[in-house]
Amino acid sequence: MKIKSYKTLLEKVEKVTAQKQLDLSSGEDLSVGIMNLISIEEHLFFTFNKTNDSKYIELLNEVRKMRTDLLKEIIKDYEGEVWCISKHLLAASMRIMEVGTKELKKGDKKKAENLFQKSYQLYSLFWGLNLNIVNLEKGKKEKPDGVGFVDEKGSDQGRVSVFAKLGSLVQKAVDCCRE
């Protein structure tokens, strides 16, 4: 199914969430928790290597098991390497967000905003993959500037990038404030 408009995209999301009975606001909270578990795994890895104390490897394995179980709550159906792609999208989103907060602390607001935007794009792609709404048209390639698509002849035709579509989706459909 090709997504031709924002309205069609939202309709598809509503249909998917109704079929899977997925609470996106809880899913958003859970996905952020999973991001933090991935970060804990990374810190345990580095702490083990700095201390050579095997208790950190044991803890890493326990946290990994928990993260895997929780990821199954969000990633119900997947093909190929979508599971690993999803994990890495969350990890990259979290790390880039953390770099953004460091840039903000240093006073570089413009760089921080750019990093936050990239982090959110990766987070949106995570949801797009796992709600099965990412469907790029064949024969189209992303423009070199990352905004929109070009066809084989280089024509732009005013297309919107997958990140822009998904960002709008996440803003509308994944509302952590909804009880």
Protein backbone atom coordinates (compact mmCIF):
# COMPACT_ATOMS: atom_id res chain seq x y z
CA MET A 1 0.00 0.00 0.00
CA LYS A 2 1.52 3.30 -1.06
CA ILE A 3 0.92 6.23 1.23
CA LYS A 4 -0.23 9.21 -0.80
CA SER A 5 -1.24 11.64 1.89
CA TYR A 6 -0.87 12.43 5.54
CA LYS A 7 -4.53 11.55 6.10
CA THR A 8 -4.03 8.13 4.52
CA LEU A 9 -0.99 7.61 6.72
CA LEU A 10 -2.94 8.38 9.90
CA GLU A 11 -5.81 6.14 8.78
CA LYS A 12 -3.37 3.29 8.28
CA VAL A 13 -1.88 3.84 11.74
CA GLU A 14 -5.32 3.88 13.34
CA LYS A 15 -6.17 0.62 11.55
CA VAL A 16 -2.90 -1.03 12.65
CA THR A 17 -3.30 0.05 16.26
CA ALA A 18 -6.90 -1.16 16.36
CA GLN A 19 -5.97 -4.55 14.89
CA LYS A 20 -3.01 -5.10 17.19
CA GLN A 21 -4.64 -3.40 20.17
CA LEU A 22 -1.42 -1.45 20.62
CA ASP A 23 -1.40 1.42 23.10
CA LEU A 24 1.04 3.77 21.42
CA SER A 25 1.40 6.03 24.45
CA SER A 26 2.52 3.06 26.56
CA GLY A 27 4.64 1.90 23.63
CA GLU A 28 6.39 5.26 23.56
CA ASP A 29 7.15 5.05 27.29
CA LEU A 30 8.35 1.48 26.87
CA SER A 31 10.55 2.37 23.89
CA VAL A 32 12.30 5.09 25.91
CA GLY A 33 12.79 2.60 28.74
CA ILE A 34 14.30 0.17 26.25
CA MET A 35 16.63 2.93 25.01
CA ASN A 36 17.88 3.32 28.57
CA LEU A 37 18.36 -0.43 28.96
CA ILE A 38 20.51 -0.40 25.81
CA SER A 39 22.56 2.42 27.36
CA ILE A 40 22.92 0.43 30.59
CA GLU A 41 24.22 -2.51 28.54
CA GLU A 42 26.81 -0.21 26.95
CA HIS A 43 27.90 1.17 30.33
CA LEU A 44 28.21 -2.32 31.81
CA PHE A 45 30.35 -3.34 28.82
CA PHE A 46 32.70 -0.39 29.29
CA THR A 47 32.79 -0.82 33.08
CA PHE A 48 33.76 -4.47 32.67
CA ASN A 49 36.57 -3.50 30.34
CA LYS A 50 37.80 -0.76 32.68
CA THR A 51 37.65 -2.93 35.83
CA ASN A 52 38.02 -6.46 34.44
CA ASP A 53 35.38 -7.49 37.00
CA SER A 54 33.16 -10.23 35.52
CA LYS A 55 30.16 -9.23 37.68
CA TYR A 56 29.53 -6.48 35.12
CA ILE A 57 29.26 -9.05 32.32
CA GLU A 58 26.75 -11.01 34.41
CA LEU A 59 24.73 -7.83 35.00
CA LEU A 60 24.95 -6.97 31.29
CA ASN A 61 23.47 -10.37 30.43
CA GLU A 62 20.57 -9.87 32.87
CA VAL A 63 19.83 -6.40 31.50
CA ARG A 64 20.03 -7.76 27.94
CA LYS A 65 17.48 -10.47 28.76
CA MET A 66 15.14 -7.85 30.21
CA ARG A 67 15.60 -5.58 27.18
CA THR A 68 14.89 -8.48 24.81
CA ASP A 69 11.70 -9.41 26.66
CA LEU A 70 10.48 -5.82 26.67
CA LEU A 71 11.35 -5.28 22.99
CA LYS A 72 9.04 -8.20 22.18
CA GLU A 73 6.18 -6.10 23.61
CA ILE A 74 6.66 -3.56 20.81
CA ILE A 75 8.10 -5.61 17.97
CA LYS A 76 5.41 -8.21 17.36
CA ASP A 77 5.99 -9.14 13.72
CA TYR A 78 9.20 -8.65 11.81
CA GLU A 79 11.00 -9.91 8.77
CA GLY A 80 14.65 -10.13 7.87
CA GLU A 81 16.71 -8.03 10.24
CA VAL A 82 13.97 -5.64 11.39
CA TRP A 83 14.50 -6.79 15.01
CA CYS A 84 18.16 -5.74 15.00
CA ILE A 85 17.46 -2.65 12.92
CA SER A 86 14.86 -1.63 15.48
CA LYS A 87 17.24 -2.12 18.39
CA HIS A 88 19.93 -0.09 16.65
CA LEU A 89 17.47 2.67 15.70
CA LEU A 90 16.55 3.07 19.37
CA ALA A 91 20.20 2.95 20.45
CA ALA A 92 21.28 5.49 17.83
CA SER A 93 18.35 7.76 18.64
CA MET A 94 19.26 7.74 22.34
CA ARG A 95 22.97 8.36 21.76
CA ILE A 96 22.37 11.19 19.29
CA MET A 97 19.88 12.75 21.71
CA GLU A 98 22.51 12.58 24.48
CA VAL A 99 25.10 14.26 22.24
CA GLY A 100 22.47 16.93 21.51
CA THR A 101 21.96 17.60 25.22
CA LYS A 102 25.73 17.95 25.66
CA GLU A 103 25.84 20.47 22.80
CA LEU A 104 22.96 22.35 24.38
CA LYS A 105 24.84 22.45 27.69
CA LYS A 106 27.89 23.85 25.85
CA GLY A 107 25.65 26.58 24.42
CA ASP A 108 25.51 25.40 20.81
CA LYS A 109 21.73 25.49 20.42
CA LYS A 110 21.79 25.20 16.62
CA LYS A 111 23.91 22.04 16.68
CA ALA A 112 21.77 20.62 19.50
CA GLU A 113 18.57 21.22 17.52
CA ASN A 114 20.09 19.51 14.48
CA LEU A 115 21.06 16.49 16.57
CA PHE A 116 17.64 16.38 18.24
CA GLN A 117 16.00 16.40 14.80
CA LYS A 118 18.15 13.49 13.64
CA SER A 119 17.43 11.60 16.85
CA TYR A 120 13.70 12.08 16.35
CA GLN A 121 13.93 10.97 12.73
CA LEU A 122 15.54 7.70 13.80
CA TYR A 123 12.94 7.26 16.54
CA SER A 124 10.16 7.88 14.01
CA LEU A 125 11.69 5.35 11.64
CA PHE A 126 11.64 2.81 14.49
CA TRP A 127 7.88 3.29 14.82
CA GLY A 128 7.37 3.33 11.06
CA LEU A 129 9.06 -0.04 10.73
CA ASN A 130 7.26 -1.59 13.67
CA LEU A 131 3.82 -0.33 12.72
CA ASN A 132 4.54 -1.58 9.19
CA ILE A 133 3.93 1.79 7.59
CA VAL A 134 7.32 2.39 5.98
CA ASN A 135 6.83 1.84 2.27
CA LEU A 136 9.18 3.69 -0.03
CA GLU A 137 8.16 3.81 -3.66
CA LYS A 138 10.34 1.70 -5.96
CA GLY A 139 12.44 3.66 -8.39
CA LYS A 140 12.73 6.64 -6.07
CA LYS A 141 15.92 7.63 -4.31
CA GLU A 142 16.35 10.04 -1.46
CA LYS A 143 17.66 13.43 -2.53
CA PRO A 144 21.28 14.14 -1.58
CA ASP A 145 20.14 16.71 1.01
CA GLY A 146 17.90 14.07 2.64
CA VAL A 147 14.70 16.04 2.00
CA GLY A 148 12.30 14.33 -0.37
CA PHE A 149 12.94 11.94 -3.22
CA VAL A 150 14.09 12.09 -6.80
CA ASP A 151 13.20 9.69 -9.58
CA GLU A 152 15.66 8.06 -11.99
CA LYS A 153 15.82 11.30 -14.02
CA GLY A 154 16.52 13.45 -10.97
CA SER A 155 13.03 14.97 -10.83
CA ASP A 156 11.87 16.03 -7.38
CA GLN A 157 8.09 16.34 -7.98
CA GLY A 158 7.57 17.76 -4.47
CA ARG A 159 7.72 14.47 -2.61
CA VAL A 160 8.01 14.47 1.18
CA SER A 161 10.78 12.44 2.84
CA VAL A 162 9.98 9.32 4.80
CA PHE A 163 11.38 11.08 7.88
CA ALA A 164 8.98 14.01 7.48
CA LYS A 165 6.01 11.66 7.08
CA LEU A 166 7.03 9.55 10.05
CA GLY A 167 7.80 12.56 12.23
CA SER A 168 4.29 13.87 11.67
CA LEU A 169 2.88 10.45 12.39
CA VAL A 170 4.70 10.11 15.69
CA GLN A 171 3.62 13.60 16.74
CA LYS A 172 -0.04 12.78 16.09
CA ALA A 173 -0.31 9.10 16.97
CA VAL A 174 2.20 8.53 19.77
CA ASP A 175 1.06 10.82 22.56
CA CYS A 176 2.67 10.01 25.90
CA CYS A 177 0.32 12.40 27.69
CA ARG A 178 -2.80 10.45 26.76
CA GLU A 179 -3.98 8.38 29.74
